[in-house]
Amino acid sequence: MNLAAFLPQAKNYINTLTPDQVSFWCPNQPFSISPLAQGEYNMNYLVQQGDNQPWVFRVNVGSQIHREDQIEYEFKALQLLEASQRTPFPLFVDDSREKLNHGVLGMAYLPGKPIQYESHMLEAARLFADIHEFTHTLQDTHLIKEEKPLSMTYDECASLLPKYLESDLADENIVSYLKEVLSWAEQERLKEANFLADPWNCIINTEVNSSNFIWNPTDQTLHLVDWEKPLWGDPSQDLSHFCVPTTTLWKTAYRMDTEAKNLLLQTYCERLKDQHLINTIRDRVHLRDPFNCLRGISWSAWAWVAYQTGDAAIQNEDTYRKLCAYMDIDFIRSLFEPYINGGSHAG
């Protein structure tokens, strides 16, 4: 399934829209629809009618968090985040599967381009601070709670890795080393007691690679646009995930060094008002880093096999090339050796 092949079905659905779904929509009037972006679990189209503002039509085809109500989960998160002014404005959601076999949502289109780490890293830090501190005041959200932060990531990795570890396609050296890393992480996750003893919860995105940020050079604004897997958890998750090599190298050639990471965390803290978070965020991030590296490699190993066996719901050539680059023993060792050997950084 791809954007071009699904376009006629998307167009047929949009032909049925009413102003109850999109307030500025005019039924029976011409409109344009074009492919915008495709990920592993969603297809996105740009829709515009006359001089009205363009918007995004998002079609969901799967769920990383194994939710039957995936598209509603994302829509409700966007509603919670709306007042932060750092995320897309949600327009409507339809998970009835009556007109399409998939859940869909509409949201405002934010023009711009993905960030460049060297140019926009500090503004990203400010965005994180805005979202984290704003949503820290929320209560009783629908979001999945990150009750045991490191165990939650470890369990996710332990469920993904067998697809690679047990595959005939796997490299024996990588299999052996990943088993060693997984065993180390099983013991290291006991350090999550630090999070449990000192909770500081907010909405976290959990998928903060550079292509999910939209920088508008005209308005000088930055937004975070992909909210398919938000959790109610510790802000260190987003900051760590943003910095680790499995994230920065996913869409770019950038690998963040210690100096850049320290500057990012300093900028984040300068934006905050909560002194306790300012005092503890660096330690929180450090505990997260090897687990986010493991999460990135575990998913990549799983997807590398899925692409070759035809189990991936959506095929993306750029993604496959990156998966092949990540399934390299020297690269994988560079992520974990500093931690396993007692070092302080794996950047």
Protein backbone atom coordinates (compact mmCIF):
# COMPACT_ATOMS: atom_id res chain seq x y z
CA MET A 1 0.00 0.00 0.00
CA ASN A 2 1.33 3.44 -0.90
CA LEU A 3 0.19 7.03 -1.21
CA ALA A 4 -0.40 6.97 -4.97
CA ALA A 5 -2.34 3.69 -4.98
CA PHE A 6 -4.59 4.79 -2.12
CA LEU A 7 -5.26 8.26 -3.53
CA PRO A 8 -8.59 7.41 -5.27
CA GLN A 9 -10.02 6.01 -2.02
CA ALA A 10 -8.85 9.06 -0.08
CA LYS A 11 -10.44 11.35 -2.65
CA ASN A 12 -13.74 9.46 -2.52
CA TYR A 13 -13.83 9.82 1.25
CA ILE A 14 -13.16 13.55 1.14
CA ASN A 15 -16.01 13.96 -1.32
CA THR A 16 -18.34 12.96 1.54
CA LEU A 17 -17.08 15.57 4.04
CA THR A 18 -19.43 18.05 5.70
CA PRO A 19 -18.89 21.36 7.56
CA ASP A 20 -19.50 19.39 10.78
CA GLN A 21 -16.12 17.75 10.21
CA VAL A 22 -14.20 20.65 8.64
CA SER A 23 -15.88 23.97 9.45
CA PHE A 24 -14.63 25.75 6.32
CA TRP A 25 -15.53 22.87 3.97
CA CYS A 26 -17.96 23.49 1.09
CA PRO A 27 -19.64 20.26 -0.08
CA ASN A 28 -19.84 19.64 -3.80
CA GLN A 29 -17.12 22.21 -4.52
CA PRO A 30 -13.85 21.33 -6.30
CA PHE A 31 -10.79 20.55 -4.20
CA SER A 32 -7.26 19.30 -4.68
CA ILE A 33 -5.62 16.37 -2.91
CA SER A 34 -2.00 15.32 -3.26
CA PRO A 35 0.38 12.90 -1.49
CA LEU A 36 2.24 14.60 1.36
CA ALA A 37 4.17 12.04 3.43
CA GLN A 38 4.15 8.34 4.23
CA GLY A 39 5.41 6.60 7.32
CA GLU A 40 5.27 3.03 8.53
CA TYR A 41 1.77 3.33 10.01
CA ASN A 42 0.14 6.37 8.37
CA MET A 43 -0.41 7.96 4.97
CA ASN A 44 -0.81 11.74 4.76
CA TYR A 45 -2.41 13.84 2.02
CA LEU A 46 -2.58 17.60 1.53
CA VAL A 47 -6.10 18.87 0.83
CA GLN A 48 -7.16 22.35 -0.28
CA GLN A 49 -10.40 23.84 -1.50
CA GLY A 50 -10.30 27.22 -3.22
CA ASP A 51 -8.62 29.89 -1.08
CA ASN A 52 -9.41 28.10 2.16
CA GLN A 53 -6.53 26.99 4.34
CA PRO A 54 -4.93 23.68 3.34
CA TRP A 55 -5.19 20.77 5.76
CA VAL A 56 -3.85 17.26 6.23
CA PHE A 57 -5.92 14.11 5.69
CA ARG A 58 -4.26 11.29 7.67
CA VAL A 59 -5.04 7.62 7.05
CA ASN A 60 -3.99 5.14 9.72
CA VAL A 61 -2.97 1.61 8.68
CA GLY A 62 -1.43 0.21 11.87
CA SER A 63 -0.47 0.88 15.47
CA GLN A 64 2.89 0.73 17.24
CA ILE A 65 1.06 0.66 20.56
CA HIS A 66 -1.35 -2.10 19.50
CA ARG A 67 -4.47 0.07 19.81
CA GLU A 68 -7.65 -0.65 17.88
CA ASP A 69 -8.55 3.02 18.44
CA GLN A 70 -5.16 4.31 17.26
CA ILE A 71 -6.50 7.28 15.27
CA GLU A 72 -8.78 8.42 18.11
CA TYR A 73 -5.90 8.08 20.55
CA GLU A 74 -3.84 10.45 18.42
CA PHE A 75 -6.72 12.89 17.86
CA LYS A 76 -7.42 13.21 21.60
CA ALA A 77 -3.73 13.84 22.23
CA LEU A 78 -3.79 16.70 19.72
CA GLN A 79 -6.78 18.16 21.53
CA LEU A 80 -4.87 18.10 24.82
CA LEU A 81 -1.85 19.74 23.20
CA GLU A 82 -3.73 22.39 21.25
CA ALA A 83 -3.22 25.25 23.73
CA SER A 84 0.56 24.77 23.65
CA GLN A 85 0.53 26.21 20.11
CA ARG A 86 3.37 23.84 19.27
CA THR A 87 1.32 21.10 17.55
CA PRO A 88 -1.18 20.80 14.66
CA PHE A 89 -4.76 21.93 15.28
CA PRO A 90 -7.09 18.87 15.13
CA LEU A 91 -10.11 19.18 12.83
CA PHE A 92 -11.98 15.87 12.99
CA VAL A 93 -11.60 12.14 13.53
CA ASP A 94 -13.53 9.22 12.02
CA ASP A 95 -12.81 5.72 13.27
CA SER A 96 -16.12 4.21 12.15
CA ARG A 97 -14.51 2.34 9.20
CA GLU A 98 -17.79 2.84 7.33
CA LYS A 99 -16.43 4.77 4.34
CA LEU A 100 -12.87 3.43 4.49
CA ASN A 101 -11.34 0.35 6.03
CA HIS A 102 -9.07 2.63 8.07
CA GLY A 103 -9.41 5.28 10.72
CA VAL A 104 -8.80 8.84 9.51
CA LEU A 105 -8.29 12.28 10.96
CA GLY A 106 -8.04 15.82 9.67
CA MET A 107 -5.65 18.38 11.08
CA ALA A 108 -4.26 21.77 10.15
CA TYR A 109 -1.39 21.86 7.67
CA LEU A 110 1.76 23.52 8.97
CA PRO A 111 3.96 24.71 6.09
CA GLY A 112 7.69 24.48 6.47
CA LYS A 113 10.51 21.96 6.37
CA PRO A 114 12.18 19.46 8.71
CA ILE A 115 14.73 20.85 11.11
CA GLN A 116 18.48 20.79 10.68
CA TYR A 117 20.07 19.80 13.97
CA GLU A 118 22.88 22.33 13.75
CA SER A 119 20.49 25.22 13.04
CA HIS A 120 17.33 24.39 14.99
CA MET A 121 18.46 22.22 17.90
CA LEU A 122 18.07 24.96 20.51
CA GLU A 123 14.61 25.96 19.31
CA ALA A 124 13.67 22.29 19.58
CA ALA A 125 14.84 22.39 23.20
CA ARG A 126 12.51 25.34 23.83
CA LEU A 127 9.65 23.50 22.15
CA PHE A 128 10.18 20.51 24.44
CA ALA A 129 10.17 22.79 27.49
CA ASP A 130 6.94 24.48 26.34
CA ILE A 131 5.11 21.19 25.79
CA HIS A 132 6.42 19.43 28.87
CA GLU A 133 5.77 22.24 31.34
CA PHE A 134 2.35 23.08 29.84
CA THR A 135 1.08 19.50 29.91
CA HIS A 136 2.53 18.78 33.38
CA THR A 137 -0.54 20.59 34.76
CA LEU A 138 -3.00 18.22 33.03
CA GLN A 139 -4.77 15.44 34.91
CA ASP A 140 -6.76 12.31 34.04
CA THR A 141 -5.64 12.05 30.42
CA HIS A 142 -6.55 9.11 28.17
CA LEU A 143 -2.86 8.49 27.49
CA ILE A 144 -1.03 5.29 28.30
CA LYS A 145 0.93 5.86 31.51
CA GLU A 146 4.65 5.17 31.54
CA GLU A 147 4.51 3.43 34.90
CA LYS A 148 7.93 1.75 34.73
CA PRO A 149 9.94 3.82 32.25
CA LEU A 150 12.99 1.62 31.68
CA SER A 151 11.10 -1.67 31.96
CA MET A 152 8.52 -0.40 29.49
CA THR A 153 11.25 0.25 26.92
CA TYR A 154 13.05 -2.99 27.78
CA ASP A 155 9.85 -5.03 27.35
CA GLU A 156 9.20 -3.38 23.99
CA CYS A 157 12.72 -4.27 22.85
CA ALA A 158 12.45 -7.82 24.18
CA SER A 159 9.27 -8.30 22.16
CA LEU A 160 10.77 -6.90 18.95
CA LEU A 161 14.22 -8.49 18.93
CA PRO A 162 13.23 -12.18 18.61
CA LYS A 163 12.08 -11.52 15.05
CA TYR A 164 15.71 -10.78 14.21
CA LEU A 165 17.45 -13.06 16.71
CA GLU A 166 15.52 -16.10 15.46
CA SER A 167 15.65 -15.22 11.76
CA ASP A 168 17.71 -17.18 9.24
CA LEU A 169 18.57 -13.79 7.69
CA ALA A 170 20.33 -12.51 10.82
CA ASP A 171 24.07 -11.92 11.19
CA GLU A 172 25.48 -14.25 13.86
CA ASN A 173 27.80 -11.61 15.30
CA ILE A 174 24.94 -9.14 15.68
CA VAL A 175 22.73 -11.82 17.24
CA SER A 176 25.39 -12.64 19.83
CA TYR A 177 26.05 -9.01 20.71
CA LEU A 178 22.37 -8.01 20.93
CA LYS A 179 21.76 -10.88 23.33
CA GLU A 180 24.57 -9.51 25.49
CA VAL A 181 23.11 -5.99 25.38
CA LEU A 182 19.62 -7.23 26.18
CA SER A 183 20.94 -9.14 29.19
CA TRP A 184 22.76 -6.03 30.41
CA ALA A 185 19.63 -3.90 29.96
CA GLU A 186 17.54 -6.38 31.93
CA GLN A 187 19.67 -5.62 35.00
CA GLU A 188 20.19 -1.91 34.25
CA ARG A 189 16.45 -1.24 34.15
CA LEU A 190 16.34 -1.63 37.94
CA LYS A 191 17.60 1.96 38.03
CA GLU A 192 14.08 3.05 37.09
CA ALA A 193 13.52 3.19 40.85
CA ASN A 194 14.88 6.73 40.51
CA PHE A 195 11.91 7.68 38.30
CA LEU A 196 9.38 5.90 40.49
CA ALA A 197 10.63 7.65 43.62
CA ASP A 198 10.57 11.07 41.96
CA PRO A 199 7.84 11.24 39.27
CA TRP A 200 7.48 14.33 37.04
CA ASN A 201 4.91 13.46 34.38
CA CYS A 202 3.72 15.25 31.25
CA ILE A 203 2.78 14.41 27.66
CA ILE A 204 5.78 12.98 25.83
CA ASN A 205 5.86 12.42 22.08
CA THR A 206 8.32 9.46 22.04
CA GLU A 207 9.00 9.82 18.26
CA VAL A 208 11.09 12.97 17.95
CA ASN A 209 13.22 12.46 14.85
CA SER A 210 14.01 15.57 12.78
CA SER A 211 11.37 14.93 10.11
CA ASN A 212 8.59 15.21 12.72
CA PHE A 213 9.50 18.85 13.38
CA ILE A 214 8.27 21.57 11.01
CA TRP A 215 10.29 24.78 10.88
CA ASN A 216 8.56 27.74 9.19
CA PRO A 217 11.32 30.15 8.11
CA THR A 218 8.80 32.89 7.27
CA ASP A 219 7.08 32.95 10.65
CA GLN A 220 10.14 31.67 12.55
CA THR A 221 8.01 29.01 14.26
CA LEU A 222 8.64 25.38 15.14
CA HIS A 223 6.00 22.67 15.61
CA LEU A 224 6.06 18.95 16.42
CA VAL A 225 3.62 17.23 14.09
CA ASP A 226 3.57 13.44 14.56
CA TRP A 227 1.65 12.31 17.65
CA GLU A 228 0.81 8.67 16.94
CA LYS A 229 2.55 7.32 20.04
CA PRO A 230 2.33 9.85 22.89
CA LEU A 231 2.54 8.70 26.50
CA TRP A 232 2.00 10.20 29.94
CA GLY A 233 5.53 9.99 31.29
CA ASP A 234 8.87 11.55 32.15
CA PRO A 235 10.18 14.38 29.90
CA SER A 236 13.62 12.76 29.78
CA GLN A 237 12.24 10.34 27.19
CA ASP A 238 11.80 13.02 24.52
CA LEU A 239 15.09 14.74 25.28
CA SER A 240 17.07 11.50 25.26
CA HIS A 241 15.37 10.17 22.15
CA PHE A 242 16.07 13.45 20.34
CA CYS A 243 19.80 13.21 21.11
CA VAL A 244 20.75 9.55 20.62
CA PRO A 245 22.45 8.50 17.35
CA THR A 246 19.65 6.14 16.27
CA THR A 247 17.42 9.24 16.08
CA THR A 248 19.75 11.91 14.71
CA LEU A 249 21.11 9.63 11.99
CA TRP A 250 17.68 8.39 10.92
CA LYS A 251 17.05 11.22 8.46
CA THR A 252 20.38 13.08 8.56
CA ALA A 253 24.12 12.47 8.81
CA TYR A 254 24.35 14.26 12.17
CA ARG A 255 25.62 12.60 15.33
CA MET A 256 25.31 14.78 18.42
CA ASP A 257 28.44 15.20 20.55
CA THR A 258 28.62 15.84 24.29
CA GLU A 259 29.08 19.60 23.94
CA ALA A 260 26.00 19.98 21.73
CA LYS A 261 23.92 17.81 24.04
CA ASN A 262 24.94 19.86 27.09
CA LEU A 263 23.97 23.06 25.27
CA LEU A 264 20.59 21.59 24.36
CA LEU A 265 19.87 20.65 27.97
CA GLN A 266 21.04 24.06 29.19
CA THR A 267 18.66 25.77 26.75
CA TYR A 268 15.82 23.49 27.83
CA CYS A 269 16.41 24.38 31.48
CA GLU A 270 16.55 28.11 30.74
CA ARG A 271 13.01 27.85 29.35
CA LEU A 272 11.64 26.06 32.43
CA LYS A 273 10.16 27.51 35.60
CA ASP A 274 10.11 24.26 37.60
CA GLN A 275 13.33 24.25 39.62
CA HIS A 276 13.12 20.59 40.54
CA LEU A 277 13.04 19.51 36.92
CA ILE A 278 15.92 21.87 36.19
CA ASN A 279 17.95 20.22 38.94
CA THR A 280 17.24 16.62 37.91
CA ILE A 281 16.73 16.52 34.14
CA ARG A 282 20.35 15.68 33.24
CA ASP A 283 20.38 12.60 35.46
CA ARG A 284 17.00 11.54 34.13
CA VAL A 285 18.21 11.81 30.53
CA HIS A 286 21.42 9.88 31.24
CA LEU A 287 19.45 6.91 32.58
CA ARG A 288 17.35 6.89 29.43
CA ASP A 289 20.05 7.07 26.77
CA PRO A 290 21.13 3.42 26.41
CA PHE A 291 17.49 2.30 26.50
CA ASN A 292 16.58 4.65 23.67
CA CYS A 293 19.52 3.33 21.68
CA LEU A 294 18.29 -0.20 22.33
CA ARG A 295 14.77 0.78 21.32
CA GLY A 296 16.03 2.23 18.04
CA ILE A 297 18.14 -0.82 17.21
CA SER A 298 15.45 -3.31 18.28
CA TRP A 299 12.84 -1.71 16.05
CA SER A 300 15.34 -1.48 13.20
CA ALA A 301 16.25 -5.16 13.55
CA TRP A 302 12.58 -6.11 13.60
CA ALA A 303 11.79 -3.92 10.58
CA TRP A 304 14.87 -5.12 8.65
CA VAL A 305 13.47 -8.64 8.74
CA ALA A 306 9.89 -7.48 8.10
CA TYR A 307 10.91 -5.63 4.95
CA GLN A 308 12.57 -8.72 3.50
CA THR A 309 9.79 -11.14 4.44
CA GLY A 310 6.97 -8.89 3.23
CA ASP A 311 5.53 -8.31 6.72
CA ALA A 312 5.85 -4.51 6.65
CA ALA A 313 2.47 -2.82 6.08
CA ILE A 314 4.11 0.05 4.15
CA GLN A 315 7.33 -0.19 2.15
CA ASN A 316 9.61 2.86 2.11
CA GLU A 317 12.92 2.71 0.21
CA ASP A 318 14.65 5.36 2.33
CA THR A 319 13.66 3.51 5.49
CA TYR A 320 15.03 0.24 4.17
CA ARG A 321 18.38 1.81 3.27
CA LYS A 322 18.68 3.22 6.78
CA LEU A 323 17.75 -0.12 8.33
CA CYS A 324 20.58 -1.75 6.42
CA ALA A 325 23.00 0.92 7.67
CA TYR A 326 21.91 0.34 11.27
CA MET A 327 22.29 -3.43 11.02
CA ASP A 328 26.07 -3.10 11.16
CA ILE A 329 27.97 -4.62 14.09
CA ASP A 330 30.44 -1.72 14.42
CA PHE A 331 27.63 0.83 14.51
CA ILE A 332 25.70 -1.18 17.08
CA ARG A 333 28.78 -1.60 19.27
CA SER A 334 29.44 2.16 19.14
CA LEU A 335 26.02 2.75 20.73
CA PHE A 336 26.39 0.48 23.74
CA GLU A 337 30.06 -0.07 24.55
CA PRO A 338 30.46 3.24 26.45
CA TYR A 339 27.58 2.27 28.74
CA ILE A 340 28.34 -1.40 29.19
CA ASN A 341 31.97 -0.56 29.93
CA GLY A 342 30.97 2.06 32.50
CA GLY A 343 31.40 5.19 30.38
CA SER A 344 29.26 8.30 30.68
CA HIS A 345 28.23 8.98 27.10
CA ALA A 346 27.32 7.10 23.94
CA GLY A 347 26.96 10.07 21.63
